[in-house]
């Protein structure tokens, strides 16, 4: 079983979502704890899951069996999220490994 964590920015975004999106994210988190699948985004540890026109972005540490939820954004914002993760990957991966 994988442990799941979320960045502060993800928690803020989560609070603004409608109930159907929150429900989908909660169910997806539970499913990912057993088997963290998702479309890889340039790196084995950076993945996304699709929900309607939005994407759930997360990092996976297979070694320590942890996941870090980074963002939930529209397809239009996808490149912005990818660029943010690439720019901050050392900090994000360090944070994930130190949890």
N, C-alpha and C. Protein backbone atom coordinates (compact mmCIF):
# COMPACT_ATOMS: atom_id res chain seq x y z
N UNK A 1 0.83 -1.20 0.00
CA UNK A 1 0.00 0.00 0.00
C UNK A 1 0.87 1.25 0.00
N UNK A 2 0.53 2.18 -0.85
CA UNK A 2 1.23 3.46 -0.93
C UNK A 2 0.58 4.47 0.02
N UNK A 3 1.40 5.31 0.62
CA UNK A 3 0.89 6.40 1.43
C UNK A 3 0.70 7.60 0.50
N UNK A 4 -0.32 8.41 0.77
CA UNK A 4 -0.52 9.57 -0.10
C UNK A 4 -0.42 10.86 0.71
N UNK A 5 0.16 11.85 0.05
CA UNK A 5 0.36 13.18 0.64
C UNK A 5 -0.04 14.20 -0.41
N UNK A 6 -0.22 15.44 0.03
CA UNK A 6 -0.59 16.50 -0.91
C UNK A 6 0.18 17.77 -0.58
N UNK A 7 0.50 18.53 -1.62
CA UNK A 7 1.15 19.82 -1.40
C UNK A 7 0.11 20.80 -0.88
N UNK A 8 0.57 21.88 -0.28
CA UNK A 8 -0.35 22.90 0.22
C UNK A 8 -1.17 23.50 -0.92
N UNK A 9 -0.54 23.69 -2.07
CA UNK A 9 -1.27 24.25 -3.21
C UNK A 9 -2.36 23.29 -3.69
N UNK A 10 -2.09 21.98 -3.64
CA UNK A 10 -3.11 21.00 -4.02
C UNK A 10 -4.28 21.07 -3.04
N UNK A 11 -3.98 21.19 -1.76
CA UNK A 11 -5.04 21.26 -0.74
C UNK A 11 -5.94 22.47 -0.97
N UNK A 12 -5.35 23.60 -1.35
CA UNK A 12 -6.13 24.82 -1.62
C UNK A 12 -7.03 24.62 -2.83
N UNK A 13 -6.50 24.01 -3.88
CA UNK A 13 -7.29 23.75 -5.09
C UNK A 13 -8.43 22.78 -4.75
N UNK A 14 -8.13 21.75 -3.98
CA UNK A 14 -9.13 20.74 -3.60
C UNK A 14 -10.33 21.38 -2.90
N UNK A 15 -10.06 22.34 -2.04
CA UNK A 15 -11.14 23.00 -1.29
C UNK A 15 -12.11 23.76 -2.20
N UNK A 16 -11.65 24.19 -3.37
CA UNK A 16 -12.49 24.98 -4.28
C UNK A 16 -13.29 24.13 -5.26
N UNK A 17 -13.05 22.83 -5.28
CA UNK A 17 -13.70 21.95 -6.26
C UNK A 17 -15.14 21.64 -5.90
N UNK A 18 -15.92 21.26 -6.91
CA UNK A 18 -17.29 20.85 -6.62
C UNK A 18 -17.28 19.41 -6.07
N UNK A 19 -18.41 18.99 -5.55
CA UNK A 19 -18.47 17.71 -4.84
C UNK A 19 -18.14 16.51 -5.74
N UNK A 20 -18.57 16.56 -6.99
CA UNK A 20 -18.28 15.41 -7.88
C UNK A 20 -16.78 15.27 -8.13
N UNK A 21 -16.08 16.39 -8.25
CA UNK A 21 -14.62 16.34 -8.45
C UNK A 21 -13.93 15.82 -7.19
N UNK A 22 -14.36 16.29 -6.03
CA UNK A 22 -13.78 15.83 -4.77
C UNK A 22 -13.99 14.33 -4.60
N UNK A 23 -15.19 13.86 -4.91
CA UNK A 23 -15.51 12.43 -4.80
C UNK A 23 -14.62 11.62 -5.72
N UNK A 24 -14.46 12.08 -6.97
CA UNK A 24 -13.60 11.36 -7.92
C UNK A 24 -12.16 11.31 -7.42
N UNK A 25 -11.64 12.44 -6.92
CA UNK A 25 -10.27 12.48 -6.41
C UNK A 25 -10.11 11.53 -5.23
N UNK A 26 -11.06 11.54 -4.30
CA UNK A 26 -10.98 10.66 -3.13
C UNK A 26 -10.97 9.19 -3.55
N UNK A 27 -11.83 8.81 -4.48
CA UNK A 27 -11.87 7.42 -4.96
C UNK A 27 -10.58 7.07 -5.69
N UNK A 28 -10.09 7.98 -6.49
CA UNK A 28 -8.86 7.75 -7.24
C UNK A 28 -7.68 7.58 -6.30
N UNK A 29 -7.62 8.41 -5.26
CA UNK A 29 -6.54 8.28 -4.27
C UNK A 29 -6.55 6.89 -3.65
N UNK A 30 -7.73 6.40 -3.29
CA UNK A 30 -7.83 5.07 -2.69
C UNK A 30 -7.36 3.99 -3.66
N UNK A 31 -7.77 4.09 -4.92
CA UNK A 31 -7.35 3.10 -5.93
C UNK A 31 -5.85 3.16 -6.16
N UNK A 32 -5.29 4.36 -6.17
CA UNK A 32 -3.86 4.52 -6.43
C UNK A 32 -3.00 3.99 -5.29
N UNK A 33 -3.55 3.95 -4.07
CA UNK A 33 -2.79 3.44 -2.93
C UNK A 33 -2.37 1.99 -3.16
N UNK A 34 -3.22 1.23 -3.85
CA UNK A 34 -2.92 -0.17 -4.12
C UNK A 34 -2.09 -0.33 -5.39
N UNK A 35 -2.37 0.48 -6.39
CA UNK A 35 -1.69 0.35 -7.67
C UNK A 35 -1.57 1.72 -8.33
N UNK A 36 -0.47 2.43 -8.09
CA UNK A 36 -0.34 3.80 -8.63
C UNK A 36 -0.09 3.82 -10.14
N UNK A 37 -1.18 3.78 -10.89
CA UNK A 37 -1.09 3.85 -12.34
C UNK A 37 -1.42 5.26 -12.80
N UNK A 38 -1.14 5.53 -14.01
CA UNK A 38 -1.44 6.83 -14.59
C UNK A 38 -0.54 7.07 -15.78
N UNK A 39 -0.90 8.04 -16.58
CA UNK A 39 -0.11 8.35 -17.77
C UNK A 39 1.18 9.05 -17.35
N UNK A 40 2.35 8.48 -17.67
CA UNK A 40 3.63 9.12 -17.33
C UNK A 40 3.81 10.42 -18.12
N UNK A 41 4.33 11.44 -17.46
CA UNK A 41 4.55 12.74 -18.09
C UNK A 41 6.04 13.06 -18.15
N UNK A 42 6.73 12.38 -19.03
CA UNK A 42 8.14 12.65 -19.22
C UNK A 42 9.08 11.93 -18.28
N UNK A 43 8.58 11.54 -17.12
CA UNK A 43 9.37 10.83 -16.12
C UNK A 43 8.53 9.69 -15.57
N UNK A 44 9.18 8.62 -15.13
CA UNK A 44 8.47 7.48 -14.57
C UNK A 44 7.71 7.87 -13.30
N UNK A 45 8.23 8.83 -12.55
CA UNK A 45 7.67 9.22 -11.25
C UNK A 45 6.63 10.34 -11.33
N UNK A 46 6.40 10.91 -12.50
CA UNK A 46 5.45 12.02 -12.66
C UNK A 46 4.30 11.55 -13.55
N UNK A 47 3.08 11.53 -12.99
CA UNK A 47 1.94 10.94 -13.70
C UNK A 47 0.69 11.80 -13.59
N UNK A 48 -0.27 11.46 -14.45
CA UNK A 48 -1.57 12.14 -14.41
C UNK A 48 -2.69 11.13 -14.59
N UNK A 49 -3.85 11.48 -14.04
CA UNK A 49 -5.08 10.73 -14.25
C UNK A 49 -6.10 11.72 -14.79
N UNK A 50 -6.89 11.30 -15.76
CA UNK A 50 -7.83 12.18 -16.43
C UNK A 50 -9.23 12.05 -15.84
N UNK A 51 -9.87 13.20 -15.64
CA UNK A 51 -11.27 13.24 -15.20
C UNK A 51 -11.98 14.33 -16.02
N UNK A 52 -12.85 13.93 -16.91
CA UNK A 52 -13.53 14.85 -17.82
C UNK A 52 -12.49 15.71 -18.53
N UNK A 53 -12.55 17.04 -18.36
CA UNK A 53 -11.57 17.90 -19.03
C UNK A 53 -10.44 18.33 -18.10
N UNK A 54 -10.30 17.65 -16.95
CA UNK A 54 -9.26 18.01 -15.99
C UNK A 54 -8.30 16.85 -15.77
N UNK A 55 -7.18 17.16 -15.16
CA UNK A 55 -6.15 16.15 -14.88
C UNK A 55 -5.71 16.24 -13.43
N UNK A 56 -5.47 15.09 -12.82
CA UNK A 56 -4.91 14.99 -11.48
C UNK A 56 -3.43 14.66 -11.64
N UNK A 57 -2.57 15.54 -11.15
CA UNK A 57 -1.12 15.37 -11.31
C UNK A 57 -0.50 14.92 -9.99
N UNK A 58 0.37 13.90 -10.08
CA UNK A 58 0.97 13.38 -8.86
C UNK A 58 2.34 12.78 -9.14
N UNK A 59 3.13 12.69 -8.08
CA UNK A 59 4.46 12.09 -8.13
C UNK A 59 4.41 10.77 -7.39
N UNK A 60 5.21 9.80 -7.83
CA UNK A 60 5.23 8.48 -7.20
C UNK A 60 6.66 8.13 -6.82
N UNK A 61 6.84 7.71 -5.57
CA UNK A 61 8.13 7.19 -5.11
C UNK A 61 7.94 5.70 -4.86
N UNK A 62 8.32 4.87 -5.84
CA UNK A 62 8.13 3.42 -5.72
C UNK A 62 8.99 2.82 -4.62
N UNK A 63 10.14 3.42 -4.37
CA UNK A 63 11.07 2.90 -3.37
C UNK A 63 10.47 2.96 -1.96
N UNK A 64 9.91 4.12 -1.61
CA UNK A 64 9.33 4.28 -0.27
C UNK A 64 7.82 4.12 -0.25
N UNK A 65 7.25 3.82 -1.43
CA UNK A 65 5.80 3.61 -1.56
C UNK A 65 5.02 4.82 -1.06
N UNK A 66 5.29 5.96 -1.71
CA UNK A 66 4.60 7.21 -1.37
C UNK A 66 4.17 7.92 -2.65
N UNK A 67 3.09 8.69 -2.52
CA UNK A 67 2.60 9.52 -3.62
C UNK A 67 2.41 10.94 -3.11
N UNK A 68 2.68 11.90 -3.98
CA UNK A 68 2.49 13.31 -3.63
C UNK A 68 1.59 13.93 -4.69
N UNK A 69 0.41 14.37 -4.28
CA UNK A 69 -0.52 15.02 -5.20
C UNK A 69 -0.14 16.48 -5.32
N UNK A 70 0.08 16.90 -6.58
CA UNK A 70 0.63 18.22 -6.86
C UNK A 70 -0.43 19.20 -7.35
N UNK A 71 -1.32 18.74 -8.23
CA UNK A 71 -2.29 19.67 -8.80
C UNK A 71 -3.47 18.94 -9.42
N UNK A 72 -4.56 19.67 -9.58
CA UNK A 72 -5.74 19.21 -10.30
C UNK A 72 -6.13 20.39 -11.18
N UNK A 73 -5.92 20.25 -12.48
CA UNK A 73 -6.11 21.40 -13.36
C UNK A 73 -6.68 20.97 -14.70
N UNK A 74 -7.12 21.97 -15.46
CA UNK A 74 -7.69 21.69 -16.78
C UNK A 74 -6.60 21.33 -17.78
N UNK A 75 -7.03 20.78 -18.90
CA UNK A 75 -6.10 20.42 -19.97
C UNK A 75 -5.32 21.66 -20.43
N UNK A 76 -5.98 22.82 -20.43
CA UNK A 76 -5.32 24.06 -20.85
C UNK A 76 -4.14 24.40 -19.95
N UNK A 77 -4.23 24.05 -18.68
CA UNK A 77 -3.18 24.36 -17.72
C UNK A 77 -2.11 23.27 -17.62
N UNK A 78 -2.24 22.21 -18.42
CA UNK A 78 -1.35 21.06 -18.33
C UNK A 78 0.12 21.45 -18.48
N UNK A 79 0.44 22.23 -19.50
CA UNK A 79 1.85 22.58 -19.73
C UNK A 79 2.41 23.42 -18.59
N UNK A 80 1.57 24.27 -18.02
CA UNK A 80 1.98 25.09 -16.88
C UNK A 80 2.36 24.20 -15.68
N UNK A 81 1.55 23.19 -15.41
CA UNK A 81 1.82 22.26 -14.31
C UNK A 81 3.09 21.45 -14.59
N UNK A 82 3.21 20.94 -15.82
CA UNK A 82 4.39 20.16 -16.19
C UNK A 82 5.65 21.00 -16.03
N UNK A 83 5.61 22.23 -16.51
CA UNK A 83 6.76 23.13 -16.39
C UNK A 83 7.11 23.39 -14.93
N UNK A 84 6.08 23.59 -14.08
CA UNK A 84 6.32 23.82 -12.65
C UNK A 84 7.01 22.62 -12.02
N UNK A 85 6.53 21.43 -12.32
CA UNK A 85 7.12 20.21 -11.73
C UNK A 85 8.56 20.03 -12.21
N UNK A 86 8.80 20.23 -13.51
CA UNK A 86 10.16 20.09 -14.03
C UNK A 86 11.11 21.11 -13.40
N UNK A 87 10.62 22.33 -13.24
CA UNK A 87 11.43 23.40 -12.66
C UNK A 87 11.74 23.14 -11.19
N UNK A 88 10.81 22.52 -10.48
CA UNK A 88 10.94 22.29 -9.04
C UNK A 88 11.11 20.82 -8.69
N UNK A 89 11.54 19.98 -9.64
CA UNK A 89 11.55 18.54 -9.38
C UNK A 89 12.48 18.14 -8.24
N UNK A 90 13.62 18.78 -8.10
CA UNK A 90 14.53 18.41 -7.01
C UNK A 90 13.86 18.63 -5.67
N UNK A 91 13.24 19.80 -5.50
CA UNK A 91 12.57 20.11 -4.24
C UNK A 91 11.38 19.19 -3.99
N UNK A 92 10.58 18.95 -5.03
CA UNK A 92 9.40 18.09 -4.87
C UNK A 92 9.80 16.66 -4.54
N UNK A 93 10.79 16.12 -5.24
CA UNK A 93 11.22 14.75 -4.96
C UNK A 93 11.87 14.64 -3.59
N UNK A 94 12.64 15.66 -3.20
CA UNK A 94 13.25 15.66 -1.88
C UNK A 94 12.15 15.69 -0.81
N UNK A 95 11.16 16.53 -1.02
CA UNK A 95 10.04 16.63 -0.09
C UNK A 95 9.31 15.29 0.03
N UNK A 96 9.05 14.66 -1.10
CA UNK A 96 8.36 13.36 -1.10
C UNK A 96 9.17 12.30 -0.36
N UNK A 97 10.46 12.27 -0.59
CA UNK A 97 11.31 11.27 0.06
C UNK A 97 11.49 11.53 1.56
N UNK A 98 11.33 12.79 1.98
CA UNK A 98 11.56 13.12 3.39
C UNK A 98 10.31 13.01 4.25
N UNK A 99 9.16 12.73 3.63
CA UNK A 99 7.91 12.63 4.40
C UNK A 99 7.90 11.41 5.30
